[in-house]
Amino acid sequence: MTYLTIKTPVFRVAKNILWVAILISLTHCKIDDEQMPDQRNWQLVWSDDFDGAAGTSPDPSKWVFDIGTGTNGWGNQELQYYTDRPENAALDGDGHLVITARRETFAGAPFTSARIKTQGLFSQAYGRFEARLKTPYGPGMWPAFWMLGADIDTNPWPNCGEIDLMELRGQEPNIVNGTVHGPGYSGGAAITQSFGFTNDRFDKDFHIFAIEWGKDYIDFFVDNTLYQRITPAALTGDWVFDDPFFILLNVAVGGNYVGLPTTQTPFPQQMTVDYVRVYQEAN
């Protein structure tokens, strides 16, 4: 991880502190505090490694399913029908959960997929939340690892808050986004940052997507790289990230975030999840 970047032509290497200080002054560069989070002593408090027989559903003591299309495709004009069938969400027998989007007519929808969540079973405020997973790809594919405020039933979205640890547009398989939504900064006005590769893609191998969340910050990571810090000062509305949130995993098809799938979008599409883990600071 690079903490100091000089964006002017390369200078002769200096060997004393004074010359380094002059260089920094001339180039208007400074050490980015956001790229150096405090070291934290994390203690695992909840996890799922998706161990079990192939074809079985995810652990019902940890996950529940959303079923159907929701209103207007869960509010995003999505095209899939979410089911609890093993064809759409099941363990593979090798320690993974596989969420599969299929091109098939089901209950009036042209696609099926799955969305699972820990709502009513597990939620937590603050800590480290992470998943190791491999994404689908192709136009119109919309995989996500995200969180919602546990009070959503009495405090509707966006007031409950939303944290998107990973969203990906399938037509851009090398770029993910980390985002927060809340009152005054939701939908197209959400606070977001992209992280991408120049010569790799997120569907080619597993990567770890994480946040480290405290009282006045949310840090976003891909693998070991911190690429975004959000604080109350960065928002255009109220900070609503002081209460428990629950976890969601899903693969949507279509919607106003990604557009429509095309004839070149291959199906079935899969998001393969190795694990989900949640930590608290040991102190």
C-alpha atoms as a PDB file:
ATOM      1  CA  MET A   1       0.000   0.000   0.000  1.00  0.00           C
ATOM      2  CA  THR A   2       1.376   3.412  -0.974  1.00  0.00           C
ATOM      3  CA  TYR A   3       0.987   6.178   1.559  1.00  0.00           C
ATOM      4  CA  LEU A   4       2.858   8.953  -0.238  1.00  0.00           C
ATOM      5  CA  THR A   5       2.445   9.710  -3.923  1.00  0.00           C
ATOM      6  CA  ILE A   6       4.378  12.386  -5.774  1.00  0.00           C
ATOM      7  CA  LYS A   7       2.525  13.442  -8.930  1.00  0.00           C
ATOM      8  CA  THR A   8       5.312  15.553 -10.479  1.00  0.00           C
ATOM      9  CA  PRO A   9       8.380  14.420 -12.532  1.00  0.00           C
ATOM     10  CA  VAL A  10      10.819  12.208 -10.660  1.00  0.00           C
ATOM     11  CA  PHE A  11      13.446  14.096  -8.654  1.00  0.00           C
ATOM     12  CA  ARG A  12      16.909  12.978  -7.649  1.00  0.00           C
ATOM     13  CA  VAL A  13      16.722  10.866  -4.482  1.00  0.00           C
ATOM     14  CA  ALA A  14      17.436  13.002  -1.429  1.00  0.00           C
ATOM     15  CA  LYS A  15      19.501  11.780   1.448  1.00  0.00           C
ATOM     16  CA  ASN A  16      18.539  14.179   4.157  1.00  0.00           C
ATOM     17  CA  ILE A  17      15.345  15.092   5.938  1.00  0.00           C
ATOM     18  CA  LEU A  18      15.453  18.751   4.872  1.00  0.00           C
ATOM     19  CA  TRP A  19      15.462  17.914   1.174  1.00  0.00           C
ATOM     20  CA  VAL A  20      12.612  15.443   1.640  1.00  0.00           C
ATOM     21  CA  ALA A  21      10.613  18.173   3.371  1.00  0.00           C
ATOM     22  CA  ILE A  22      11.287  20.526   0.461  1.00  0.00           C
ATOM     23  CA  LEU A  23      10.157  17.915  -2.035  1.00  0.00           C
ATOM     24  CA  ILE A  24       6.906  17.362  -0.159  1.00  0.00           C
ATOM     25  CA  SER A  25       6.303  21.097   0.025  1.00  0.00           C
ATOM     26  CA  LEU A  26       6.962  21.616  -3.685  1.00  0.00           C
ATOM     27  CA  THR A  27       4.662  18.788  -4.757  1.00  0.00           C
ATOM     28  CA  HIS A  28       1.891  19.573  -2.262  1.00  0.00           C
ATOM     29  CA  CYS A  29       1.891  15.925  -1.160  1.00  0.00           C
ATOM     30  CA  LYS A  30       1.187  14.681   2.327  1.00  0.00           C
ATOM     31  CA  ILE A  31       0.822  11.412   4.111  1.00  0.00           C
ATOM     32  CA  ASP A  32      -2.788  10.275   3.827  1.00  0.00           C
ATOM     33  CA  ASP A  33      -3.997   9.470   7.328  1.00  0.00           C
ATOM     34  CA  GLU A  34      -6.963   7.618   5.864  1.00  0.00           C
ATOM     35  CA  GLN A  35      -4.606   5.024   4.426  1.00  0.00           C
ATOM     36  CA  MET A  36      -3.122   4.187   7.832  1.00  0.00           C
ATOM     37  CA  PRO A  37      -5.909   2.953  10.120  1.00  0.00           C
ATOM     38  CA  ASP A  38      -5.126   2.187  13.719  1.00  0.00           C
ATOM     39  CA  GLN A  39      -4.153  -1.398  14.423  1.00  0.00           C
ATOM     40  CA  ARG A  40      -7.112  -3.140  16.015  1.00  0.00           C
ATOM     41  CA  ASN A  41      -7.302  -6.351  18.024  1.00  0.00           C
ATOM     42  CA  TRP A  42     -10.208  -8.202  16.384  1.00  0.00           C
ATOM     43  CA  GLN A  43     -12.025 -11.095  18.033  1.00  0.00           C
ATOM     44  CA  LEU A  44     -14.271 -13.365  15.955  1.00  0.00           C
ATOM     45  CA  VAL A  45     -17.892 -13.288  17.168  1.00  0.00           C
ATOM     46  CA  TRP A  46     -19.911 -14.733  14.250  1.00  0.00           C
ATOM     47  CA  SER A  47     -19.052 -16.701  11.124  1.00  0.00           C
ATOM     48  CA  ASP A  48     -20.240 -19.111   8.487  1.00  0.00           C
ATOM     49  CA  ASP A  49     -17.730 -21.228   6.532  1.00  0.00           C
ATOM     50  CA  PHE A  50     -20.538 -22.935   4.569  1.00  0.00           C
ATOM     51  CA  ASP A  51     -19.487 -26.444   5.449  1.00  0.00           C
ATOM     52  CA  GLY A  52     -22.049 -29.112   4.644  1.00  0.00           C
ATOM     53  CA  ALA A  53     -23.262 -31.566   2.061  1.00  0.00           C
ATOM     54  CA  ALA A  54     -23.563 -30.471  -1.550  1.00  0.00           C
ATOM     55  CA  GLY A  55     -27.039 -29.285  -2.466  1.00  0.00           C
ATOM     56  CA  THR A  56     -28.084 -28.336   1.062  1.00  0.00           C
ATOM     57  CA  SER A  57     -29.387 -24.893   1.978  1.00  0.00           C
ATOM     58  CA  PRO A  58     -27.348 -22.418   4.026  1.00  0.00           C
ATOM     59  CA  ASP A  59     -27.642 -22.855   7.803  1.00  0.00           C
ATOM     60  CA  PRO A  60     -31.186 -21.739   8.789  1.00  0.00           C
ATOM     61  CA  SER A  61     -29.946 -20.712  12.227  1.00  0.00           C
ATOM     62  CA  LYS A  62     -27.822 -18.061  10.490  1.00  0.00           C
ATOM     63  CA  TRP A  63     -29.640 -17.142   7.278  1.00  0.00           C
ATOM     64  CA  VAL A  64     -33.174 -16.529   6.038  1.00  0.00           C
ATOM     65  CA  PHE A  65     -34.334 -16.062   2.444  1.00  0.00           C
ATOM     66  CA  ASP A  66     -36.073 -13.174   0.778  1.00  0.00           C
ATOM     67  CA  ILE A  67     -38.709 -14.601  -1.571  1.00  0.00           C
ATOM     68  CA  GLY A  68     -40.317 -13.002  -4.617  1.00  0.00           C
ATOM     69  CA  THR A  69     -39.694  -9.811  -6.553  1.00  0.00           C
ATOM     70  CA  GLY A  70     -40.556  -7.162  -3.991  1.00  0.00           C
ATOM     71  CA  THR A  71     -42.159  -3.921  -5.064  1.00  0.00           C
ATOM     72  CA  ASN A  72     -40.754  -2.867  -8.445  1.00  0.00           C
ATOM     73  CA  GLY A  73     -37.965  -5.448  -8.223  1.00  0.00           C
ATOM     74  CA  TRP A  74     -36.968  -4.631  -4.635  1.00  0.00           C
ATOM     75  CA  GLY A  75     -37.144  -0.943  -5.503  1.00  0.00           C
ATOM     76  CA  ASN A  76     -34.518  -1.129  -8.254  1.00  0.00           C
ATOM     77  CA  GLN A  77     -36.476  -2.419 -11.289  1.00  0.00           C
ATOM     78  CA  GLU A  78     -34.686  -5.772 -11.033  1.00  0.00           C
ATOM     79  CA  LEU A  79     -35.819  -8.702 -13.190  1.00  0.00           C
ATOM     80  CA  GLN A  80     -35.238 -11.789 -11.029  1.00  0.00           C
ATOM     81  CA  TYR A  81     -37.547 -13.761  -8.760  1.00  0.00           C
ATOM     82  CA  TYR A  82     -35.738 -14.678  -5.552  1.00  0.00           C
ATOM     83  CA  THR A  83     -36.336 -18.258  -4.428  1.00  0.00           C
ATOM     84  CA  ASP A  84     -35.178 -20.567  -1.636  1.00  0.00           C
ATOM     85  CA  ARG A  85     -34.595 -23.459  -4.067  1.00  0.00           C
ATOM     86  CA  PRO A  86     -31.232 -25.260  -4.077  1.00  0.00           C
ATOM     87  CA  GLU A  87     -31.069 -24.415  -7.782  1.00  0.00           C
ATOM     88  CA  ASN A  88     -30.537 -20.807  -6.701  1.00  0.00           C
ATOM     89  CA  ALA A  89     -28.712 -21.097  -3.366  1.00  0.00           C
ATOM     90  CA  ALA A  90     -26.925 -24.145  -1.999  1.00  0.00           C
ATOM     91  CA  LEU A  91     -23.680 -25.394  -0.523  1.00  0.00           C
ATOM     92  CA  ASP A  92     -21.309 -27.050  -2.988  1.00  0.00           C
ATOM     93  CA  GLY A  93     -19.834 -29.607  -0.569  1.00  0.00           C
ATOM     94  CA  ASP A  94     -16.396 -27.960  -0.744  1.00  0.00           C
ATOM     95  CA  GLY A  95     -16.977 -25.276   1.858  1.00  0.00           C
ATOM     96  CA  HIS A  96     -18.712 -22.715  -0.346  1.00  0.00           C
ATOM     97  CA  LEU A  97     -22.132 -21.181  -0.733  1.00  0.00           C
ATOM     98  CA  VAL A  98     -23.132 -20.772  -4.379  1.00  0.00           C
ATOM     99  CA  ILE A  99     -25.832 -18.253  -5.320  1.00  0.00           C
ATOM    100  CA  THR A 100     -26.938 -18.948  -8.892  1.00  0.00           C
ATOM    101  CA  ALA A 101     -28.859 -16.649 -11.220  1.00  0.00           C
ATOM    102  CA  ARG A 102     -30.712 -18.489 -13.992  1.00  0.00           C
ATOM    103  CA  ARG A 103     -32.426 -17.405 -17.170  1.00  0.00           C
ATOM    104  CA  GLU A 104     -35.796 -19.135 -16.731  1.00  0.00           C
ATOM    105  CA  THR A 105     -39.423 -18.135 -16.471  1.00  0.00           C
ATOM    106  CA  PHE A 106     -40.578 -18.436 -12.870  1.00  0.00           C
ATOM    107  CA  ALA A 107     -43.713 -16.949 -11.307  1.00  0.00           C
ATOM    108  CA  GLY A 108     -43.931 -14.467 -14.155  1.00  0.00           C
ATOM    109  CA  ALA A 109     -40.288 -13.325 -13.920  1.00  0.00           C
ATOM    110  CA  PRO A 110     -37.713 -14.035 -16.662  1.00  0.00           C
ATOM    111  CA  PHE A 111     -34.870 -14.875 -14.236  1.00  0.00           C
ATOM    112  CA  THR A 112     -34.392 -16.516 -10.851  1.00  0.00           C
ATOM    113  CA  SER A 113     -31.751 -15.980  -8.178  1.00  0.00           C
ATOM    114  CA  ALA A 114     -31.407 -15.863  -4.382  1.00  0.00           C
ATOM    115  CA  ARG A 115     -31.006 -13.322  -1.609  1.00  0.00           C
ATOM    116  CA  ILE A 116     -30.142 -14.411   1.932  1.00  0.00           C
ATOM    117  CA  LYS A 117     -29.829 -12.332   5.078  1.00  0.00           C
ATOM    118  CA  THR A 118     -29.181 -12.562   8.812  1.00  0.00           C
ATOM    119  CA  GLN A 119     -32.163 -10.353   9.692  1.00  0.00           C
ATOM    120  CA  GLY A 120     -33.727 -11.453  12.986  1.00  0.00           C
ATOM    121  CA  LEU A 121     -30.851 -13.867  13.633  1.00  0.00           C
ATOM    122  CA  PHE A 122     -27.722 -11.739  13.880  1.00  0.00           C
ATOM    123  CA  SER A 123     -26.921  -8.036  13.798  1.00  0.00           C
ATOM    124  CA  GLN A 124     -24.137  -5.923  15.235  1.00  0.00           C
ATOM    125  CA  ALA A 125     -23.016  -2.318  15.511  1.00  0.00           C
ATOM    126  CA  TYR A 126     -19.314  -1.657  14.861  1.00  0.00           C
ATOM    127  CA  GLY A 127     -16.567  -4.175  14.184  1.00  0.00           C
ATOM    128  CA  ARG A 128     -15.018  -5.838  11.169  1.00  0.00           C
ATOM    129  CA  PHE A 129     -17.347  -7.508   8.654  1.00  0.00           C
ATOM    130  CA  GLU A 130     -15.815  -9.494   5.806  1.00  0.00           C
ATOM    131  CA  ALA A 131     -16.569 -12.052   3.117  1.00  0.00           C
ATOM    132  CA  ARG A 132     -14.278 -13.967   0.795  1.00  0.00           C
ATOM    133  CA  LEU A 133     -16.038 -14.517  -2.510  1.00  0.00           C
ATOM    134  CA  LYS A 134     -15.841 -14.692  -6.278  1.00  0.00           C
ATOM    135  CA  THR A 135     -18.305 -12.678  -8.360  1.00  0.00           C
ATOM    136  CA  PRO A 136     -20.351 -13.407 -11.479  1.00  0.00           C
ATOM    137  CA  TYR A 137     -19.822 -11.296 -14.589  1.00  0.00           C
ATOM    138  CA  GLY A 138     -21.542 -10.041 -17.728  1.00  0.00           C
ATOM    139  CA  PRO A 139     -23.892  -7.175 -18.609  1.00  0.00           C
ATOM    140  CA  GLY A 140     -26.863  -6.925 -16.256  1.00  0.00           C
ATOM    141  CA  MET A 141     -25.335  -8.950 -13.405  1.00  0.00           C
ATOM    142  CA  TRP A 142     -25.421  -7.282  -9.988  1.00  0.00           C
ATOM    143  CA  PRO A 143     -23.810  -9.218  -7.109  1.00  0.00           C
ATOM    144  CA  ALA A 144     -23.710  -7.629  -3.668  1.00  0.00           C
ATOM    145  CA  PHE A 145     -22.433  -8.149  -0.128  1.00  0.00           C
ATOM    146  CA  TRP A 146     -24.121  -5.520   1.995  1.00  0.00           C
ATOM    147  CA  MET A 147     -25.812  -4.529   5.265  1.00  0.00           C
ATOM    148  CA  LEU A 148     -29.008  -2.811   6.396  1.00  0.00           C
ATOM    149  CA  GLY A 149     -30.016  -1.206   9.667  1.00  0.00           C
ATOM    150  CA  ALA A 150     -31.739  -3.780  11.858  1.00  0.00           C
ATOM    151  CA  ASP A 151     -34.533  -1.294  12.611  1.00  0.00           C
ATOM    152  CA  ILE A 152     -35.632  -1.142   8.958  1.00  0.00           C
ATOM    153  CA  ASP A 153     -39.152  -2.404   9.752  1.00  0.00           C
ATOM    154  CA  THR A 154     -39.852   0.596  12.000  1.00  0.00           C
ATOM    155  CA  ASN A 155     -37.377   3.031  10.431  1.00  0.00           C
ATOM    156  CA  PRO A 156     -37.712   2.564   6.666  1.00  0.00           C
ATOM    157  CA  TRP A 157     -34.892   2.873   4.161  1.00  0.00           C
ATOM    158  CA  PRO A 158     -32.896   5.063   3.735  1.00  0.00           C
ATOM    159  CA  ASN A 159     -33.275   6.349   7.310  1.00  0.00           C
ATOM    160  CA  CYS A 160     -32.204   2.944   8.675  1.00  0.00           C
ATOM    161  CA  GLY A 161     -28.931   3.174   6.744  1.00  0.00           C
ATOM    162  CA  GLU A 162     -27.262   0.869   4.232  1.00  0.00           C
ATOM    163  CA  ILE A 163     -23.619  -0.168   3.870  1.00  0.00           C
ATOM    164  CA  ASP A 164     -22.588  -1.829   0.603  1.00  0.00           C
ATOM    165  CA  LEU A 165     -19.322  -3.623   1.261  1.00  0.00           C
ATOM    166  CA  MET A 166     -19.183  -4.829  -2.346  1.00  0.00           C
ATOM    167  CA  GLU A 167     -21.301  -4.141  -5.400  1.00  0.00           C
ATOM    168  CA  LEU A 168     -20.233  -4.927  -8.945  1.00  0.00           C
ATOM    169  CA  ARG A 169     -21.654  -4.135 -12.367  1.00  0.00           C
ATOM    170  CA  GLY A 170     -21.167  -7.296 -14.395  1.00  0.00           C
ATOM    171  CA  GLN A 171     -20.178  -5.317 -17.482  1.00  0.00           C
ATOM    172  CA  GLU A 172     -17.227  -3.968 -15.465  1.00  0.00           C
ATOM    173  CA  PRO A 173     -15.899  -7.163 -13.843  1.00  0.00           C
ATOM    174  CA  ASN A 174     -12.655  -5.491 -12.748  1.00  0.00           C
ATOM    175  CA  ILE A 175     -14.307  -2.761 -10.622  1.00  0.00           C
ATOM    176  CA  VAL A 176     -16.191  -2.925  -7.319  1.00  0.00           C
ATOM    177  CA  ASN A 177     -17.840  -0.165  -5.331  1.00  0.00           C
ATOM    178  CA  GLY A 178     -18.116   0.511  -1.605  1.00  0.00           C
ATOM    179  CA  THR A 179     -21.067   2.709  -0.691  1.00  0.00           C
ATOM    180  CA  VAL A 180     -23.226   4.079   2.124  1.00  0.00           C
ATOM    181  CA  HIS A 181     -26.844   5.235   1.879  1.00  0.00           C
ATOM    182  CA  GLY A 182     -28.735   7.282   4.428  1.00  0.00           C
ATOM    183  CA  PRO A 183     -31.135  10.220   4.742  1.00  0.00           C
ATOM    184  CA  GLY A 184     -30.034  12.852   2.223  1.00  0.00           C
ATOM    185  CA  TYR A 185     -27.521  10.595   0.450  1.00  0.00           C
ATOM    186  CA  SER A 186     -29.330   7.574  -0.995  1.00  0.00           C
ATOM    187  CA  GLY A 187     -29.778   6.043  -4.425  1.00  0.00           C
ATOM    188  CA  GLY A 188     -27.939   8.068  -7.048  1.00  0.00           C
ATOM    189  CA  ALA A 189     -26.756  10.507  -4.375  1.00  0.00           C
ATOM    190  CA  ALA A 190     -25.108   7.822  -2.228  1.00  0.00           C
ATOM    191  CA  ILE A 191     -21.540   8.288  -0.966  1.00  0.00           C
ATOM    192  CA  THR A 192     -19.408   5.814  -2.921  1.00  0.00           C
ATOM    193  CA  GLN A 193     -15.891   4.955  -4.075  1.00  0.00           C
ATOM    194  CA  SER A 194     -14.618   2.477  -6.677  1.00  0.00           C
ATOM    195  CA  PHE A 195     -11.720   0.039  -6.426  1.00  0.00           C
ATOM    196  CA  GLY A 196     -10.443  -1.724  -9.527  1.00  0.00           C
ATOM    197  CA  PHE A 197      -7.756  -3.765 -11.233  1.00  0.00           C
ATOM    198  CA  THR A 198      -5.992  -2.922 -14.481  1.00  0.00           C
ATOM    199  CA  ASN A 199      -5.206  -6.519 -15.450  1.00  0.00           C
ATOM    200  CA  ASP A 200      -7.442  -8.735 -13.294  1.00  0.00           C
ATOM    201  CA  ARG A 201     -11.148  -9.386 -12.691  1.00  0.00           C
ATOM    202  CA  PHE A 202     -13.172 -10.217  -9.603  1.00  0.00           C
ATOM    203  CA  ASP A 203     -14.789 -13.260 -11.264  1.00  0.00           C
ATOM    204  CA  LYS A 204     -11.412 -14.940 -11.829  1.00  0.00           C
ATOM    205  CA  ASP A 205     -10.509 -15.662  -8.216  1.00  0.00           C
ATOM    206  CA  PHE A 206     -11.600 -15.120  -4.624  1.00  0.00           C
ATOM    207  CA  HIS A 207     -11.097 -11.762  -2.937  1.00  0.00           C
ATOM    208  CA  ILE A 208     -11.826 -10.509   0.573  1.00  0.00           C
ATOM    209  CA  PHE A 209     -14.236  -7.575   0.873  1.00  0.00           C
ATOM    210  CA  ALA A 210     -14.445  -5.938   4.277  1.00  0.00           C
ATOM    211  CA  ILE A 211     -15.313  -2.922   6.341  1.00  0.00           C
ATOM    212  CA  GLU A 212     -13.932  -1.860   9.688  1.00  0.00           C
ATOM    213  CA  TRP A 213     -16.608   0.234  11.370  1.00  0.00           C
ATOM    214  CA  GLY A 214     -16.381   2.423  14.441  1.00  0.00           C
ATOM    215  CA  LYS A 215     -18.311   5.213  16.065  1.00  0.00           C
ATOM    216  CA  ASP A 216     -17.162   7.882  13.623  1.00  0.00           C
ATOM    217  CA  TYR A 217     -15.718   6.031  10.620  1.00  0.00           C
ATOM    218  CA  ILE A 218     -16.294   3.210   8.134  1.00  0.00           C
ATOM    219  CA  ASP A 219     -13.165   1.912   6.359  1.00  0.00           C
ATOM    220  CA  PHE A 220     -13.550  -0.114   3.142  1.00  0.00           C
ATOM    221  CA  PHE A 221     -11.048  -2.793   2.114  1.00  0.00           C
ATOM    222  CA  VAL A 222     -10.388  -5.119  -0.807  1.00  0.00           C
ATOM    223  CA  ASP A 223      -8.025  -7.836   0.372  1.00  0.00           C
ATOM    224  CA  ASN A 224      -5.512  -5.861   2.460  1.00  0.00           C
ATOM    225  CA  THR A 225      -5.985  -2.530   0.672  1.00  0.00           C
ATOM    226  CA  LEU A 226      -7.884   0.292   2.343  1.00  0.00           C
ATOM    227  CA  TYR A 227      -9.428   2.364  -0.451  1.00  0.00           C
ATOM    228  CA  GLN A 228     -12.053   4.500   1.284  1.00  0.00           C
ATOM    229  CA  ARG A 229     -12.817   6.008   4.687  1.00  0.00           C
ATOM    230  CA  ILE A 230     -16.225   7.549   5.360  1.00  0.00           C
ATOM    231  CA  THR A 231     -16.757   9.836   8.342  1.00  0.00           C
ATOM    232  CA  PRO A 232     -19.716  11.989   9.436  1.00  0.00           C
ATOM    233  CA  ALA A 233     -18.044  14.989   7.827  1.00  0.00           C
ATOM    234  CA  ALA A 234     -18.146  13.266   4.411  1.00  0.00           C
ATOM    235  CA  LEU A 235     -21.926  12.911   4.417  1.00  0.00           C
ATOM    236  CA  THR A 236     -24.590  15.239   3.049  1.00  0.00           C
ATOM    237  CA  GLY A 237     -27.075  14.154   5.713  1.00  0.00           C
ATOM    238  CA  ASP A 238     -27.288  12.551   9.141  1.00  0.00           C
ATOM    239  CA  TRP A 239     -24.867   9.844  10.280  1.00  0.00           C
ATOM    240  CA  VAL A 240     -27.083   6.784  10.888  1.00  0.00           C
ATOM    241  CA  PHE A 241     -24.366   4.209  11.560  1.00  0.00           C
ATOM    242  CA  ASP A 242     -24.481   3.823  15.336  1.00  0.00           C
ATOM    243  CA  ASP A 243     -26.997   0.959  15.581  1.00  0.00           C
ATOM    244  CA  PRO A 244     -26.889  -2.760  14.710  1.00  0.00           C
ATOM    245  CA  PHE A 245     -26.949  -3.809  11.056  1.00  0.00           C
ATOM    246  CA  PHE A 246     -27.659  -7.237   9.532  1.00  0.00           C
ATOM    247  CA  ILE A 247     -25.891  -8.874   6.558  1.00  0.00           C
ATOM    248  CA  LEU A 248     -27.173  -9.698   3.057  1.00  0.00           C
ATOM    249  CA  LEU A 249     -25.761 -11.641   0.099  1.00  0.00           C
ATOM    250  CA  ASN A 250     -27.488 -11.699  -3.281  1.00  0.00           C
ATOM    251  CA  VAL A 251     -27.159 -11.726  -7.048  1.00  0.00           C
ATOM    252  CA  ALA A 252     -29.644  -9.475  -8.846  1.00  0.00           C
ATOM    253  CA  VAL A 253     -30.328  -9.505 -12.580  1.00  0.00           C
ATOM    254  CA  GLY A 254     -30.932  -6.154 -14.237  1.00  0.00           C
ATOM    255  CA  GLY A 255     -32.033  -3.032 -12.429  1.00  0.00           C
ATOM    256  CA  ASN A 256     -31.320   0.654 -12.568  1.00  0.00           C
ATOM    257  CA  TYR A 257     -27.774   0.188 -11.228  1.00  0.00           C
ATOM    258  CA  VAL A 258     -26.576  -2.154 -13.982  1.00  0.00           C
ATOM    259  CA  GLY A 259     -29.064  -2.063 -16.838  1.00  0.00           C
ATOM    260  CA  LEU A 260     -30.411  -5.057 -18.719  1.00  0.00           C
ATOM    261  CA  PRO A 261     -28.622  -8.316 -19.450  1.00  0.00           C
ATOM    262  CA  THR A 262     -27.864  -8.879 -23.127  1.00  0.00           C
ATOM    263  CA  THR A 263     -27.820 -11.892 -25.403  1.00  0.00           C
ATOM    264  CA  GLN A 264     -24.079 -12.058 -24.708  1.00  0.00           C
ATOM    265  CA  THR A 265     -24.622 -12.403 -20.932  1.00  0.00           C
ATOM    266  CA  PRO A 266     -23.971 -16.087 -20.170  1.00  0.00           C
ATOM    267  CA  PHE A 267     -26.291 -17.974 -17.811  1.00  0.00           C
ATOM    268  CA  PRO A 268     -26.328 -19.515 -15.288  1.00  0.00           C
ATOM    269  CA  GLN A 269     -24.228 -17.023 -13.334  1.00  0.00           C
ATOM    270  CA  GLN A 270     -22.781 -17.740  -9.888  1.00  0.00           C
ATOM    271  CA  MET A 271     -21.438 -15.880  -6.888  1.00  0.00           C
ATOM    272  CA  THR A 272     -19.325 -18.287  -4.848  1.00  0.00           C
ATOM    273  CA  VAL A 273     -18.857 -17.376  -1.183  1.00  0.00           C
ATOM    274  CA  ASP A 274     -16.066 -19.012   0.815  1.00  0.00           C
ATOM    275  CA  TYR A 275     -16.947 -17.479   4.181  1.00  0.00           C
ATOM    276  CA  VAL A 276     -18.538 -14.572   6.019  1.00  0.00           C
ATOM    277  CA  ARG A 277     -16.986 -13.427   9.314  1.00  0.00           C
ATOM    278  CA  VAL A 278     -17.754 -10.741  11.866  1.00  0.00           C
ATOM    279  CA  TYR A 279     -15.380  -9.463  14.540  1.00  0.00           C
ATOM    280  CA  GLN A 280     -15.453  -7.119  17.501  1.00  0.00           C
ATOM    281  CA  GLU A 281     -12.527  -5.320  19.046  1.00  0.00           C
ATOM    282  CA  ALA A 282     -11.217  -7.462  21.888  1.00  0.00           C
ATOM    283  CA  ASN A 283     -11.261  -4.560  24.330  1.00  0.00           C
END
